[in-house]
Amino acid sequence: MKMQINGNAVEACSGEFFNIVNPATGELVDRVPKGTENDASMAVEAASSAFNGWASISPQQRAGILYRAVGIVRQRKDELAVLLTREQGKPLAEAKNEIEGFAHVLEYYCGLASSFHGDFVPVPQNGYAFTVKKPLGICAAIIPWNMPALIMAWKIGPALISGNTFVLKPASNTPLTNLTLASILSEAGLPPGVLNIVTGSGEVVGESLVKSSKVKKISFTGEARTGKRVAELAAGGMKRVTLELGGSDPMLVCDDAKLEDAVLGALRGRFYNCGQTCTAVKRLFVFESVAEEFIKKLEAGIRNLRVGNGMHENSDMGPLNNRRQWKYIRELVADVEEKDEGRIVTGGRVPESSACSKGYFFEPTLVVDVLRESRLLKEEVFGPVLPVVRVKNLDEAIEEANNTCYGLGASIWTKNLDNARKGCEQLNAGIIWLNQHLKVAPEVPFGGTRQSGIGRENGPDSLSEYLDLKTVMLKI
């Protein structure tokens, strides 16, 4: 598999490669070039050459090409899901869901093809005015390894349908599905140079894209520290920036909640994708009056989760994606045990099964009565560890939930409308779920507050992130 520039597969100028390894087995899946600054520049030039042609056709024509790609993706969903599982590690069912998510997001933006038009405004003192919306030009994105197909769609969907050309830098350890999806878009009729993918490191390829004077917009999803670096570099060129920087999402379980539903929500919300999701449940606050019953049900559910190779149909949870994350989670749990900052109810170890001996597996872990100073509550824990804290009431739950530098998502589980209203008003988060968690539909805006980022993705408003607005004053 090679990087794609101008619709063509090319080797990196350096002649060096990344090995893409299956996180469940340690086996080599493929290798991709380590892109250079020159490769990034070539991709930007290809996008620049393609821009006028792509921007000049109608949004409906652009939608037609993307619709064809959606059809091919759905036809090849099983094949794409296998590739995604092999490079990322998630269970095959989750991989199929993500590929369908890619198709659904592009389909949604195709449906908006007729929606981004200007307005006609009477101005009695000066005649009339009208506004015109134009694509920005060359846009670029840097995406992570946890949901590579879905997040690719979040970036390219609004950009391409609104007439921009694009350069994408995928994560170095999960680029294969992105490259294959780009090939499908080319097969569907996307002109050469409209979408370019450059594999390489963030320090080299990523920074080159952010610094390029020809790139007008940068969209980044990843950790906060890197996001701040992206914002710093982009400021020099006055580029538009969208940053989705993760979070430490709280889940609040009130005493009137339907506990069975809340337990299922916690299981899926924490352990989906091995806990490697920006909006995963990372801190759980449960009212004392129902805590014992809730924890007992939650423990039983966690013990029933089957850990194994994502290619096996009976696996509910695959491995962590890479050694760095695996090592971090192991150290984090060991730290909790050594400092006596919580009680591990179940999990907390590397599975002993021989089927898990060669991969980055870790048991789904439940830690209760976690102390407030624990790293489990202070850091963004990207892995299958769920800390539970007992609280007296909703006021305490909201106070504890807001005690973080992040503000991406939060959920409240209650049948009481007053509790629901109070949670929605007072929880500091970009998205609030009521009696559900984790679901992010392309139809609604998604993004965070505080250290969770800047800007919004998805929904009709996301198109404005990729369009320039020009006002024309007219007097006849």
Foldseek 3Di string as FASTA:
>chain_A
DEFFALNDGDAAPVNDWDFAAQQQFRDTDDIYHAHFLVNLVRLLVLQQVCQVVQQPDALLVLLQLLLLLLVVLVVCLQVLLVLLCRRFVWASVLSSVLSNLLSQLLNVLSVCRPPDAKDKAQDPVFGIKIKGKGFPEEAEEEEESLRQSNVVSLPVRLQSSRRYAYEYEYHQNRCPSVRVSSNSSVVSPDGGSRYTYDYHDCVGSVLSQLQDLRHQEYEYEEALVVVVVSVVNNVVNPHHYWYQHADAAEEEEEPAFPLVLVLVQLCCQQCRSQNQDRFRNLEYEYAPVCVVVSVVVNVVVLVPAAEAGSHDPNHPHTAHNDPVLLVVLLVLLVVCVVVVQWAKPDWNAADPDPRRPRRSHGRQTETECGHLPRPSLADRNRGRYYYYHYDNHLVVVQVSSQPYQWAFEYEYGHPDPVSVVVCVVRRAHPYYYYSHTDDDHLQDWGFTDGSSIDDTTHHPVNSVSRIDMDMDRDDD
